[in-house]
Amino acid sequence: KQRDIASTMNTNDNNINDNNSILSLMSRYKWLIQLIVCPLICIPLLFGHEYFPGGFTSKMSGTLFTTALMTLFWITECIPIAVTALLPLVTFPLLNVLTASEVSTYYWTDTLFLLFGSF
């Protein structure tokens, strides 16, 4: 009986160690998991104009996708917030919301240069 109890305890310990190793692996690569999962969560928003055709355009879907993705990235902080703030420079031209030159004009105004110069 003691051997049976000992073998049962060893298998329970192994299960606990396996669970701890999975959790430690997940916590080690948490940022990578979030970086992959966040866009997957937001992908259905890209197709909103197909499900709600009455006045919901593809540009609105792209803007909603970018906004939701930026929100998730800000909350999880899987990438630096400064990089997250530059996300529309990449996503808007890719999703045909705005051209790259139109987006960049919003980022490089005289007021922003004044603020950058004060630091």
PDB file of N, CA and C in Angstrom:
ATOM      1  N   LYS A   1       0.820  -1.196   0.000  1.00  0.00           N
ATOM      2  CA  LYS A   1       0.000   0.000   0.000  1.00  0.00           C
ATOM      3  C   LYS A   1       0.863   1.259   0.000  1.00  0.00           C
ATOM      4  N   GLN A   2       1.974   1.206   0.696  1.00  0.00           N
ATOM      5  CA  GLN A   2       2.812   2.392   0.764  1.00  0.00           C
ATOM      6  C   GLN A   2       3.425   2.707  -0.601  1.00  0.00           C
ATOM      7  N   ARG A   3       3.742   1.673  -1.370  1.00  0.00           N
ATOM      8  CA  ARG A   3       4.285   1.907  -2.695  1.00  0.00           C
ATOM      9  C   ARG A   3       3.227   2.528  -3.611  1.00  0.00           C
ATOM     10  N   ASP A   4       1.994   2.055  -3.483  1.00  0.00           N
ATOM     11  CA  ASP A   4       0.928   2.632  -4.284  1.00  0.00           C
ATOM     12  C   ASP A   4       0.726   4.102  -3.938  1.00  0.00           C
ATOM     13  N   ILE A   5       0.751   4.414  -2.676  1.00  0.00           N
ATOM     14  CA  ILE A   5       0.589   5.808  -2.245  1.00  0.00           C
ATOM     15  C   ILE A   5       1.757   6.646  -2.738  1.00  0.00           C
ATOM     16  N   ALA A   6       2.960   6.104  -2.640  1.00  0.00           N
ATOM     17  CA  ALA A   6       4.146   6.840  -3.083  1.00  0.00           C
ATOM     18  C   ALA A   6       4.110   7.073  -4.589  1.00  0.00           C
ATOM     19  N   SER A   7       3.699   6.074  -5.362  1.00  0.00           N
ATOM     20  CA  SER A   7       3.643   6.247  -6.815  1.00  0.00           C
ATOM     21  C   SER A   7       2.552   7.248  -7.196  1.00  0.00           C
ATOM     22  N   THR A   8       1.437   7.234  -6.469  1.00  0.00           N
ATOM     23  CA  THR A   8       0.376   8.199  -6.720  1.00  0.00           C
ATOM     24  C   THR A   8       0.851   9.611  -6.414  1.00  0.00           C
ATOM     25  N   MET A   9       1.589   9.768  -5.340  1.00  0.00           N
ATOM     26  CA  MET A   9       2.106  11.089  -4.984  1.00  0.00           C
ATOM     27  C   MET A   9       3.112  11.572  -6.016  1.00  0.00           C
ATOM     28  N   ASN A  10       3.935  10.672  -6.547  1.00  0.00           N
ATOM     29  CA  ASN A  10       4.906  11.061  -7.565  1.00  0.00           C
ATOM     30  C   ASN A  10       4.215  11.514  -8.848  1.00  0.00           C
ATOM     31  N   THR A  11       3.157  10.809  -9.254  1.00  0.00           N
ATOM     32  CA  THR A  11       2.459  11.224 -10.468  1.00  0.00           C
ATOM     33  C   THR A  11       1.759  12.552 -10.248  1.00  0.00           C
ATOM     34  N   ASN A  12       1.219  12.782  -9.055  1.00  0.00           N
ATOM     35  CA  ASN A  12       0.605  14.069  -8.760  1.00  0.00           C
ATOM     36  C   ASN A  12       1.643  15.182  -8.786  1.00  0.00           C
ATOM     37  N   ASP A  13       2.828  14.905  -8.239  1.00  0.00           N
ATOM     38  CA  ASP A  13       3.899  15.894  -8.263  1.00  0.00           C
ATOM     39  C   ASP A  13       4.328  16.194  -9.695  1.00  0.00           C
ATOM     40  N   ASN A  14       4.385  15.162 -10.526  1.00  0.00           N
ATOM     41  CA  ASN A  14       4.756  15.376 -11.921  1.00  0.00           C
ATOM     42  C   ASN A  14       3.718  16.234 -12.635  1.00  0.00           C
ATOM     43  N   ASN A  15       2.426  15.998 -12.367  1.00  0.00           N
ATOM     44  CA  ASN A  15       1.377  16.816 -12.972  1.00  0.00           C
ATOM     45  C   ASN A  15       1.493  18.261 -12.527  1.00  0.00           C
ATOM     46  N   ILE A  16       1.780  18.467 -11.259  1.00  0.00           N
ATOM     47  CA  ILE A  16       1.937  19.828 -10.750  1.00  0.00           C
ATOM     48  C   ILE A  16       3.138  20.495 -11.396  1.00  0.00           C
ATOM     49  N   ASN A  17       4.231  19.767 -11.526  1.00  0.00           N
ATOM     50  CA  ASN A  17       5.420  20.317 -12.166  1.00  0.00           C
ATOM     51  C   ASN A  17       5.171  20.625 -13.636  1.00  0.00           C
ATOM     52  N   ASP A  18       4.407  19.760 -14.320  1.00  0.00           N
ATOM     53  CA  ASP A  18       4.081  20.013 -15.718  1.00  0.00           C
ATOM     54  C   ASP A  18       3.245  21.284 -15.845  1.00  0.00           C
ATOM     55  N   ASN A  19       2.257  21.454 -14.961  1.00  0.00           N
ATOM     56  CA  ASN A  19       1.426  22.650 -14.983  1.00  0.00           C
ATOM     57  C   ASN A  19       2.253  23.887 -14.683  1.00  0.00           C
ATOM     58  N   ASN A  20       3.165  23.777 -13.731  1.00  0.00           N
ATOM     59  CA  ASN A  20       4.012  24.922 -13.406  1.00  0.00           C
ATOM     60  C   ASN A  20       4.938  25.266 -14.564  1.00  0.00           C
ATOM     61  N   SER A  21       5.436  24.268 -15.261  1.00  0.00           N
ATOM     62  CA  SER A  21       6.321  24.549 -16.386  1.00  0.00           C
ATOM     63  C   SER A  21       5.555  25.215 -17.530  1.00  0.00           C
ATOM     64  N   ILE A  22       4.315  24.802 -17.752  1.00  0.00           N
ATOM     65  CA  ILE A  22       3.495  25.438 -18.788  1.00  0.00           C
ATOM     66  C   ILE A  22       3.199  26.876 -18.402  1.00  0.00           C
ATOM     67  N   LEU A  23       2.851  27.107 -17.144  1.00  0.00           N
ATOM     68  CA  LEU A  23       2.578  28.466 -16.687  1.00  0.00           C
ATOM     69  C   LEU A  23       3.815  29.337 -16.747  1.00  0.00           C
ATOM     70  N   SER A  24       4.952  28.795 -16.382  1.00  0.00           N
ATOM     71  CA  SER A  24       6.174  29.593 -16.440  1.00  0.00           C
ATOM     72  C   SER A  24       6.549  29.899 -17.886  1.00  0.00           C
ATOM     73  N   LEU A  25       6.310  28.948 -18.777  1.00  0.00           N
ATOM     74  CA  LEU A  25       6.574  29.188 -20.188  1.00  0.00           C
ATOM     75  C   LEU A  25       5.637  30.257 -20.736  1.00  0.00           C
ATOM     76  N   MET A  26       4.358  30.188 -20.347  1.00  0.00           N
ATOM     77  CA  MET A  26       3.398  31.190 -20.795  1.00  0.00           C
ATOM     78  C   MET A  26       3.733  32.566 -20.243  1.00  0.00           C
ATOM     79  N   SER A  27       4.168  32.633 -18.996  1.00  0.00           N
ATOM     80  CA  SER A  27       4.499  33.943 -18.431  1.00  0.00           C
ATOM     81  C   SER A  27       5.775  34.501 -19.048  1.00  0.00           C
ATOM     82  N   ARG A  28       6.673  33.616 -19.454  1.00  0.00           N
ATOM     83  CA  ARG A  28       7.912  34.076 -20.075  1.00  0.00           C
ATOM     84  C   ARG A  28       7.636  34.683 -21.445  1.00  0.00           C
ATOM     85  N   TYR A  29       6.729  34.079 -22.191  1.00  0.00           N
ATOM     86  CA  TYR A  29       6.414  34.554 -23.537  1.00  0.00           C
ATOM     87  C   TYR A  29       5.048  35.229 -23.601  1.00  0.00           C
ATOM     88  N   LYS A  30       4.642  35.854 -22.510  1.00  0.00           N
ATOM     89  CA  LYS A  30       3.330  36.502 -22.438  1.00  0.00           C
ATOM     90  C   LYS A  30       3.180  37.577 -23.505  1.00  0.00           C
ATOM     91  N   TRP A  31       4.213  38.374 -23.714  1.00  0.00           N
ATOM     92  CA  TRP A  31       4.132  39.449 -24.693  1.00  0.00           C
ATOM     93  C   TRP A  31       3.948  38.907 -26.109  1.00  0.00           C
ATOM     94  N   LEU A  32       4.590  37.780 -26.401  1.00  0.00           N
ATOM     95  CA  LEU A  32       4.463  37.197 -27.735  1.00  0.00           C
ATOM     96  C   LEU A  32       3.064  36.615 -27.944  1.00  0.00           C
ATOM     97  N   ILE A  33       2.549  35.981 -26.922  1.00  0.00           N
ATOM     98  CA  ILE A  33       1.193  35.436 -26.998  1.00  0.00           C
ATOM     99  C   ILE A  33       0.189  36.567 -27.194  1.00  0.00           C
ATOM    100  N   GLN A  34       0.356  37.656 -26.451  1.00  0.00           N
ATOM    101  CA  GLN A  34      -0.542  38.795 -26.595  1.00  0.00           C
ATOM    102  C   GLN A  34      -0.402  39.444 -27.970  1.00  0.00           C
ATOM    103  N   LEU A  35       0.816  39.488 -28.477  1.00  0.00           N
ATOM    104  CA  LEU A  35       1.054  40.083 -29.788  1.00  0.00           C
ATOM    105  C   LEU A  35       0.370  39.287 -30.895  1.00  0.00           C
ATOM    106  N   ILE A  36       0.206  38.008 -30.705  1.00  0.00           N
ATOM    107  CA  ILE A  36      -0.468  37.163 -31.697  1.00  0.00           C
ATOM    108  C   ILE A  36      -1.985  37.148 -31.477  1.00  0.00           C
ATOM    109  N   VAL A  37      -2.411  37.096 -30.216  1.00  0.00           N
ATOM    110  CA  VAL A  37      -3.834  36.952 -29.910  1.00  0.00           C
ATOM    111  C   VAL A  37      -4.615  38.252 -30.141  1.00  0.00           C
ATOM    112  N   CYS A  38      -4.026  39.389 -29.826  1.00  0.00           N
ATOM    113  CA  CYS A  38      -4.743  40.664 -29.968  1.00  0.00           C
ATOM    114  C   CYS A  38      -5.222  40.917 -31.400  1.00  0.00           C
ATOM    115  N   PRO A  39      -4.378  40.766 -32.423  1.00  0.00           N
ATOM    116  CA  PRO A  39      -4.915  40.938 -33.782  1.00  0.00           C
ATOM    117  C   PRO A  39      -5.951  39.882 -34.162  1.00  0.00           C
ATOM    118  N   LEU A  40      -5.792  38.669 -33.638  1.00  0.00           N
ATOM    119  CA  LEU A  40      -6.786  37.634 -33.943  1.00  0.00           C
ATOM    120  C   LEU A  40      -8.154  37.982 -33.365  1.00  0.00           C
ATOM    121  N   ILE A  41      -8.150  38.640 -32.211  1.00  0.00           N
ATOM    122  CA  ILE A  41      -9.414  39.071 -31.610  1.00  0.00           C
ATOM    123  C   ILE A  41     -10.070  40.160 -32.458  1.00  0.00           C
ATOM    124  N   CYS A  42      -9.252  41.017 -33.046  1.00  0.00           N
ATOM    125  CA  CYS A  42      -9.784  42.172 -33.786  1.00  0.00           C
ATOM    126  C   CYS A  42     -10.109  41.870 -35.247  1.00  0.00           C
ATOM    127  N   ILE A  43      -9.682  40.756 -35.785  1.00  0.00           N
ATOM    128  CA  ILE A  43      -9.913  40.455 -37.205  1.00  0.00           C
ATOM    129  C   ILE A  43     -11.391  40.474 -37.593  1.00  0.00           C
ATOM    130  N   PRO A  44     -12.327  39.983 -36.784  1.00  0.00           N
ATOM    131  CA  PRO A  44     -13.740  40.075 -37.207  1.00  0.00           C
ATOM    132  C   PRO A  44     -14.220  41.511 -37.433  1.00  0.00           C
ATOM    133  N   LEU A  45     -13.577  42.477 -36.812  1.00  0.00           N
ATOM    134  CA  LEU A  45     -13.971  43.867 -37.024  1.00  0.00           C
ATOM    135  C   LEU A  45     -13.664  44.343 -38.434  1.00  0.00           C
ATOM    136  N   LEU A  46     -12.703  43.706 -39.089  1.00  0.00           N
ATOM    137  CA  LEU A  46     -12.378  44.075 -40.471  1.00  0.00           C
ATOM    138  C   LEU A  46     -13.510  43.759 -41.434  1.00  0.00           C
ATOM    139  N   PHE A  47     -14.313  42.784 -41.081  1.00  0.00           N
ATOM    140  CA  PHE A  47     -15.380  42.360 -41.984  1.00  0.00           C
ATOM    141  C   PHE A  47     -16.743  42.893 -41.548  1.00  0.00           C
ATOM    142  N   GLY A  48     -16.754  43.913 -40.728  1.00  0.00           N
ATOM    143  CA  GLY A  48     -18.010  44.495 -40.256  1.00  0.00           C
ATOM    144  C   GLY A  48     -18.840  45.100 -41.368  1.00  0.00           C
ATOM    145  N   HIS A  49     -18.175  45.642 -42.399  1.00  0.00           N
ATOM    146  CA  HIS A  49     -18.933  46.247 -43.497  1.00  0.00           C
ATOM    147  C   HIS A  49     -19.695  45.208 -44.318  1.00  0.00           C
ATOM    148  N   GLU A  50     -19.292  43.956 -44.234  1.00  0.00           N
ATOM    149  CA  GLU A  50     -20.018  42.902 -44.946  1.00  0.00           C
ATOM    150  C   GLU A  50     -21.253  42.449 -44.175  1.00  0.00           C
ATOM    151  N   TYR A  51     -21.189  42.513 -42.844  1.00  0.00           N
ATOM    152  CA  TYR A  51     -22.307  42.061 -42.027  1.00  0.00           C
ATOM    153  C   TYR A  51     -23.313  43.170 -41.741  1.00  0.00           C
ATOM    154  N   PHE A  52     -22.850  44.416 -41.777  1.00  0.00           N
ATOM    155  CA  PHE A  52     -23.730  45.567 -41.554  1.00  0.00           C
ATOM    156  C   PHE A  52     -23.610  46.510 -42.744  1.00  0.00           C
ATOM    157  N   PRO A  53     -24.196  46.141 -43.862  1.00  0.00           N
ATOM    158  CA  PRO A  53     -23.965  46.911 -45.086  1.00  0.00           C
ATOM    159  C   PRO A  53     -24.595  48.301 -45.084  1.00  0.00           C
ATOM    160  N   GLY A  54     -25.551  48.571 -44.240  1.00  0.00           N
ATOM    161  CA  GLY A  54     -26.241  49.851 -44.259  1.00  0.00           C
ATOM    162  C   GLY A  54     -25.406  50.995 -43.690  1.00  0.00           C
ATOM    163  N   GLY A  55     -24.587  51.624 -44.500  1.00  0.00           N
ATOM    164  CA  GLY A  55     -23.827  52.780 -44.066  1.00  0.00           C
ATOM    165  C   GLY A  55     -22.508  52.462 -43.375  1.00  0.00           C
ATOM    166  N   PHE A  56     -22.122  51.218 -43.303  1.00  0.00           N
ATOM    167  CA  PHE A  56     -20.869  50.824 -42.653  1.00  0.00           C
ATOM    168  C   PHE A  56     -19.881  50.479 -43.752  1.00  0.00           C
ATOM    169  N   THR A  57     -18.900  51.337 -43.982  1.00  0.00           N
ATOM    170  CA  THR A  57     -17.981  51.158 -45.095  1.00  0.00           C
ATOM    171  C   THR A  57     -16.729  50.385 -44.670  1.00  0.00           C
ATOM    172  N   SER A  58     -15.937  50.000 -45.656  1.00  0.00           N
ATOM    173  CA  SER A  58     -14.692  49.292 -45.362  1.00  0.00           C
ATOM    174  C   SER A  58     -13.690  50.206 -44.663  1.00  0.00           C
ATOM    175  N   LYS A  59     -13.751  51.499 -44.937  1.00  0.00           N
ATOM    176  CA  LYS A  59     -12.869  52.441 -44.234  1.00  0.00           C
ATOM    177  C   LYS A  59     -13.229  52.518 -42.755  1.00  0.00           C
ATOM    178  N   MET A  60     -14.508  52.459 -42.465  1.00  0.00           N
ATOM    179  CA  MET A  60     -14.931  52.439 -41.060  1.00  0.00           C
ATOM    180  C   MET A  60     -14.475  51.156 -40.381  1.00  0.00           C
ATOM    181  N   SER A  61     -14.547  50.045 -41.092  1.00  0.00           N
ATOM    182  CA  SER A  61     -14.083  48.768 -40.530  1.00  0.00           C
ATOM    183  C   SER A  61     -12.595  48.813 -40.239  1.00  0.00           C
ATOM    184  N   GLY A  62     -11.816  49.393 -41.159  1.00  0.00           N
ATOM    185  CA  GLY A  62     -10.376  49.512 -40.948  1.00  0.00           C
ATOM    186  C   GLY A  62     -10.036  50.403 -39.775  1.00  0.00           C
ATOM    187  N   THR A  63     -10.789  51.489 -39.630  1.00  0.00           N
ATOM    188  CA  THR A  63     -10.566  52.397 -38.504  1.00  0.00           C
ATOM    189  C   THR A  63     -10.941  51.727 -37.188  1.00  0.00           C
ATOM    190  N   LEU A  64     -12.047  51.002 -37.181  1.00  0.00           N
ATOM    191  CA  LEU A  64     -12.474  50.284 -35.976  1.00  0.00           C
ATOM    192  C   LEU A  64     -11.460  49.203 -35.602  1.00  0.00           C
ATOM    193  N   PHE A  65     -10.947  48.487 -36.588  1.00  0.00           N
ATOM    194  CA  PHE A  65      -9.925  47.466 -36.342  1.00  0.00           C
ATOM    195  C   PHE A  65      -8.680  48.090 -35.719  1.00  0.00           C
ATOM    196  N   THR A  66      -8.218  49.190 -36.296  1.00  0.00           N
ATOM    197  CA  THR A  66      -7.010  49.847 -35.788  1.00  0.00           C
ATOM    198  C   THR A  66      -7.219  50.373 -34.377  1.00  0.00           C
ATOM    199  N   THR A  67      -8.369  50.959 -34.131  1.00  0.00           N
ATOM    200  CA  THR A  67      -8.663  51.490 -32.798  1.00  0.00           C
ATOM    201  C   THR A  67      -8.727  50.371 -31.757  1.00  0.00           C
ATOM    202  N   ALA A  68      -9.400  49.294 -32.085  1.00  0.00           N
ATOM    203  CA  ALA A  68      -9.494  48.166 -31.142  1.00  0.00           C
ATOM    204  C   ALA A  68      -8.124  47.527 -30.912  1.00  0.00           C
ATOM    205  N   LEU A  69      -7.344  47.387 -31.973  1.00  0.00           N
ATOM    206  CA  LEU A  69      -6.013  46.804 -31.838  1.00  0.00           C
ATOM    207  C   LEU A  69      -5.106  47.688 -30.983  1.00  0.00           C
ATOM    208  N   MET A  70      -5.171  48.993 -31.204  1.00  0.00           N
ATOM    209  CA  MET A  70      -4.368  49.909 -30.389  1.00  0.00           C
ATOM    210  C   MET A  70      -4.808  49.859 -28.929  1.00  0.00           C
ATOM    211  N   THR A  71      -6.103  49.756 -28.702  1.00  0.00           N
ATOM    212  CA  THR A  71      -6.605  49.665 -27.329  1.00  0.00           C
ATOM    213  C   THR A  71      -6.089  48.408 -26.637  1.00  0.00           C
ATOM    214  N   LEU A  72      -6.154  47.287 -27.316  1.00  0.00           N
ATOM    215  CA  LEU A  72      -5.651  46.043 -26.723  1.00  0.00           C
ATOM    216  C   LEU A  72      -4.144  46.095 -26.497  1.00  0.00           C
ATOM    217  N   PHE A  73      -3.408  46.688 -27.427  1.00  0.00           N
ATOM    218  CA  PHE A  73      -1.961  46.811 -27.247  1.00  0.00           C
ATOM    219  C   PHE A  73      -1.625  47.757 -26.098  1.00  0.00           C
ATOM    220  N   TRP A  74      -2.409  48.824 -25.933  1.00  0.00           N
ATOM    221  CA  TRP A  74      -2.167  49.744 -24.805  1.00  0.00           C
ATOM    222  C   TRP A  74      -2.469  49.062 -23.473  1.00  0.00           C
ATOM    223  N   ILE A  75      -3.547  48.304 -23.435  1.00  0.00           N
ATOM    224  CA  ILE A  75      -3.929  47.641 -22.183  1.00  0.00           C
ATOM    225  C   ILE A  75      -2.914  46.561 -21.808  1.00  0.00           C
ATOM    226  N   THR A  76      -2.535  45.735 -22.774  1.00  0.00           N
ATOM    227  CA  THR A  76      -1.627  44.631 -22.469  1.00  0.00           C
ATOM    228  C   THR A  76      -0.163  45.055 -22.422  1.00  0.00           C
ATOM    229  N   GLU A  77       0.164  46.147 -23.078  1.00  0.00           N
ATOM    230  CA  GLU A  77       1.544  46.648 -23.167  1.00  0.00           C
ATOM    231  C   GLU A  77       2.499  45.580 -23.681  1.00  0.00           C
ATOM    232  N   CYS A  78       2.043  44.803 -24.666  1.00  0.00           N
ATOM    233  CA  CYS A  78       2.921  43.783 -25.255  1.00  0.00           C
ATOM    234  C   CYS A  78       3.974  44.406 -26.156  1.00  0.00           C
ATOM    235  N   ILE A  79       3.705  45.593 -26.676  1.00  0.00           N
ATOM    236  CA  ILE A  79       4.718  46.381 -27.370  1.00  0.00           C
ATOM    237  C   ILE A  79       4.725  47.751 -26.703  1.00  0.00           C
ATOM    238  N   PRO A  80       5.815  48.495 -26.809  1.00  0.00           N
ATOM    239  CA  PRO A  80       5.856  49.811 -26.148  1.00  0.00           C
ATOM    240  C   PRO A  80       4.731  50.731 -26.629  1.00  0.00           C
ATOM    241  N   ILE A  81       4.273  51.577 -25.748  1.00  0.00           N
ATOM    242  CA  ILE A  81       3.150  52.459 -26.069  1.00  0.00           C
ATOM    243  C   ILE A  81       3.502  53.414 -27.202  1.00  0.00           C
ATOM    244  N   ALA A  82       4.752  53.846 -27.284  1.00  0.00           N
ATOM    245  CA  ALA A  82       5.159  54.726 -28.378  1.00  0.00           C
ATOM    246  C   ALA A  82       5.043  54.023 -29.733  1.00  0.00           C
ATOM    247  N   VAL A  83       5.345  52.758 -29.769  1.00  0.00           N
ATOM    248  CA  VAL A  83       5.202  51.991 -31.012  1.00  0.00           C
ATOM    249  C   VAL A  83       3.722  51.787 -31.326  1.00  0.00           C
ATOM    250  N   THR A  84       2.933  51.562 -30.309  1.00  0.00           N
ATOM    251  CA  THR A  84       1.492  51.400 -30.505  1.00  0.00           C
ATOM    252  C   THR A  84       0.874  52.674 -31.075  1.00  0.00           C
ATOM    253  N   ALA A  85       1.354  53.814 -30.638  1.00  0.00           N
ATOM    254  CA  ALA A  85       0.819  55.087 -31.134  1.00  0.00           C
ATOM    255  C   ALA A  85       1.113  55.287 -32.617  1.00  0.00           C
ATOM    256  N   LEU A  86       2.131  54.634 -33.127  1.00  0.00           N
ATOM    257  CA  LEU A  86       2.475  54.757 -34.545  1.00  0.00           C
ATOM    258  C   LEU A  86       1.785  53.704 -35.416  1.00  0.00           C
ATOM    259  N   LEU A  87       0.967  52.882 -34.822  1.00  0.00           N
ATOM    260  CA  LEU A  87       0.292  51.811 -35.552  1.00  0.00           C
ATOM    261  C   LEU A  87      -0.564  52.307 -36.722  1.00  0.00           C
ATOM    262  N   PRO A  88      -1.294  53.428 -36.605  1.00  0.00           N
ATOM    263  CA  PRO A  88      -2.068  53.893 -37.769  1.00  0.00           C
ATOM    264  C   PRO A  88      -1.215  54.246 -38.986  1.00  0.00           C
ATOM    265  N   LEU A  89       0.055  54.602 -38.759  1.00  0.00           N
ATOM    266  CA  LEU A  89       0.920  54.866 -39.909  1.00  0.00           C
ATOM    267  C   LEU A  89       1.102  53.633 -40.779  1.00  0.00           C
ATOM    268  N   VAL A  90       0.956  52.469 -40.181  1.00  0.00           N
ATOM    269  CA  VAL A  90       1.106  51.214 -40.922  1.00  0.00           C
ATOM    270  C   VAL A  90      -0.252  50.661 -41.358  1.00  0.00           C
ATOM    271  N   THR A  91      -1.199  50.641 -40.439  1.00  0.00           N
ATOM    272  CA  THR A  91      -2.470  49.964 -40.734  1.00  0.00           C
ATOM    273  C   THR A  91      -3.382  50.762 -41.668  1.00  0.00           C
ATOM    274  N   PHE A  92      -3.429  52.074 -41.543  1.00  0.00           N
ATOM    275  CA  PHE A  92      -4.345  52.837 -42.396  1.00  0.00           C
ATOM    276  C   PHE A  92      -4.008  52.704 -43.879  1.00  0.00           C
ATOM    277  N   PRO A  93      -2.738  52.835 -44.286  1.00  0.00           N
ATOM    278  CA  PRO A  93      -2.462  52.604 -45.717  1.00  0.00           C
ATOM    279  C   PRO A  93      -2.694  51.153 -46.155  1.00  0.00           C
ATOM    280  N   LEU A  94      -2.397  50.187 -45.279  1.00  0.00           N
ATOM    281  CA  LEU A  94      -2.621  48.785 -45.642  1.00  0.00           C
ATOM    282  C   LEU A  94      -4.102  48.455 -45.807  1.00  0.00           C
ATOM    283  N   LEU A  95      -4.951  49.101 -45.020  1.00  0.00           N
ATOM    284  CA  LEU A  95      -6.386  48.829 -45.058  1.00  0.00           C
ATOM    285  C   LEU A  95      -7.152  49.816 -45.933  1.00  0.00           C
ATOM    286  N   ASN A  96      -6.429  50.664 -46.657  1.00  0.00           N
ATOM    287  CA  ASN A  96      -7.009  51.667 -47.560  1.00  0.00           C
ATOM    288  C   ASN A  96      -7.946  52.632 -46.849  1.00  0.00           C
ATOM    289  N   VAL A  97      -7.622  52.968 -45.610  1.00  0.00           N
ATOM    290  CA  VAL A  97      -8.395  53.978 -44.894  1.00  0.00           C
ATOM    291  C   VAL A  97      -7.930  55.357 -45.336  1.00  0.00           C
ATOM    292  N   LEU A  98      -6.643  55.596 -45.274  1.00  0.00           N
ATOM    293  CA  LEU A  98      -6.000  56.822 -45.744  1.00  0.00           C
ATOM    294  C   LEU A  98      -4.695  56.446 -46.425  1.00  0.00           C
ATOM    295  N   THR A  99      -4.181  57.363 -47.215  1.00  0.00           N
ATOM    296  CA  THR A  99      -2.862  57.122 -47.792  1.00  0.00           C
ATOM    297  C   THR A  99      -1.797  57.422 -46.744  1.00  0.00           C
ATOM    298  N   ALA A 100      -0.590  56.980 -47.006  1.00  0.00           N
ATOM    299  CA  ALA A 100       0.496  57.198 -46.051  1.00  0.00           C
ATOM    300  C   ALA A 100       0.797  58.681 -45.877  1.00  0.00           C
ATOM    301  N   SER A 101       0.716  59.439 -46.935  1.00  0.00           N
ATOM    302  CA  SER A 101       0.993  60.881 -46.812  1.00  0.00           C
ATOM    303  C   SER A 101      -0.104  61.594 -46.020  1.00  0.00           C
ATOM    304  N   GLU A 102      -1.349  61.154 -46.158  1.00  0.00           N
ATOM    305  CA  GLU A 102      -2.436  61.761 -45.377  1.00  0.00           C
ATOM    306  C   GLU A 102      -2.286  61.449 -43.892  1.00  0.00           C
ATOM    307  N   VAL A 103      -1.911  60.229 -43.576  1.00  0.00           N
ATOM    308  CA  VAL A 103      -1.743  59.851 -42.171  1.00  0.00           C
ATOM    309  C   VAL A 103      -0.560  60.588 -41.567  1.00  0.00           C
ATOM    310  N   SER A 104       0.529  60.679 -42.310  1.00  0.00           N
ATOM    311  CA  SER A 104       1.728  61.319 -41.754  1.00  0.00           C
ATOM    312  C   SER A 104       1.532  62.806 -41.523  1.00  0.00           C
ATOM    313  N   THR A 105       0.631  63.459 -42.269  1.00  0.00           N
ATOM    314  CA  THR A 105       0.392  64.883 -42.011  1.00  0.00           C
ATOM    315  C   THR A 105      -0.245  65.100 -40.640  1.00  0.00           C
ATOM    316  N   TYR A 106      -1.008  64.133 -40.151  1.00  0.00           N
ATOM    317  CA  TYR A 106      -1.595  64.253 -38.819  1.00  0.00           C
ATOM    318  C   TYR A 106      -0.562  64.046 -37.721  1.00  0.00           C
ATOM    319  N   TYR A 107       0.504  63.324 -38.034  1.00  0.00           N
ATOM    320  CA  TYR A 107       1.545  63.077 -37.038  1.00  0.00           C
ATOM    321  C   TYR A 107       2.591  64.184 -36.991  1.00  0.00           C
ATOM    322  N   TRP A 108       2.774  64.905 -38.084  1.00  0.00           N
ATOM    323  CA  TRP A 108       3.838  65.911 -38.146  1.00  0.00           C
ATOM    324  C   TRP A 108       3.246  67.300 -38.366  1.00  0.00           C
ATOM    325  N   THR A 109       2.585  67.812 -37.359  1.00  0.00           N
ATOM    326  CA  THR A 109       2.057  69.169 -37.413  1.00  0.00           C
ATOM    327  C   THR A 109       3.026  70.115 -36.712  1.00  0.00           C
ATOM    328  N   ASP A 110       2.819  71.419 -36.925  1.00  0.00           N
ATOM    329  CA  ASP A 110       3.685  72.414 -36.287  1.00  0.00           C
ATOM    330  C   ASP A 110       3.601  72.345 -34.774  1.00  0.00           C
ATOM    331  N   THR A 111       2.414  72.063 -34.262  1.00  0.00           N
ATOM    332  CA  THR A 111       2.234  71.969 -32.810  1.00  0.00           C
ATOM    333  C   THR A 111       3.052  70.820 -32.227  1.00  0.00           C
ATOM    334  N   LEU A 112       3.063  69.701 -32.907  1.00  0.00           N
ATOM    335  CA  LEU A 112       3.852  68.565 -32.417  1.00  0.00           C
ATOM    336  C   LEU A 112       5.349  68.867 -32.440  1.00  0.00           C
ATOM    337  N   PHE A 113       5.813  69.550 -33.490  1.00  0.00           N
ATOM    338  CA  PHE A 113       7.228  69.913 -33.525  1.00  0.00           C
ATOM    339  C   PHE A 113       7.570  70.869 -32.398  1.00  0.00           C
ATOM    340  N   LEU A 114       6.639  71.759 -32.058  1.00  0.00           N
ATOM    341  CA  LEU A 114       6.847  72.660 -30.925  1.00  0.00           C
ATOM    342  C   LEU A 114       6.956  71.867 -29.619  1.00  0.00           C
ATOM    343  N   LEU A 115       6.081  70.878 -29.445  1.00  0.00           N
ATOM    344  CA  LEU A 115       6.146  70.043 -28.251  1.00  0.00           C
ATOM    345  C   LEU A 115       7.419  69.200 -28.208  1.00  0.00           C
ATOM    346  N   PHE A 116       7.818  68.630 -29.354  1.00  0.00           N
ATOM    347  CA  PHE A 116       9.047  67.849 -29.394  1.00  0.00           C
ATOM    348  C   PHE A 116      10.262  68.722 -29.089  1.00  0.00           C
ATOM    349  N   GLY A 117      10.239  69.933 -29.571  1.00  0.00           N
ATOM    350  CA  GLY A 117      11.360  70.854 -29.332  1.00  0.00           C
ATOM    351  C   GLY A 117      11.492  71.270 -27.890  1.00  0.00           C
ATOM    352  N   SER A 118      10.396  71.201 -27.126  1.00  0.00           N
ATOM    353  CA  SER A 118      10.454  71.617 -25.719  1.00  0.00           C
ATOM    354  C   SER A 118      11.098  70.548 -24.848  1.00  0.00           C
ATOM    355  N   PHE A 119      11.227  69.343 -25.351  1.00  0.00           N
ATOM    356  CA  PHE A 119      11.864  68.295 -24.572  1.00  0.00           C
ATOM    357  C   PHE A 119      13.305  68.258 -24.919  1.00  0.00           C
TER     358      PHE A 119
END
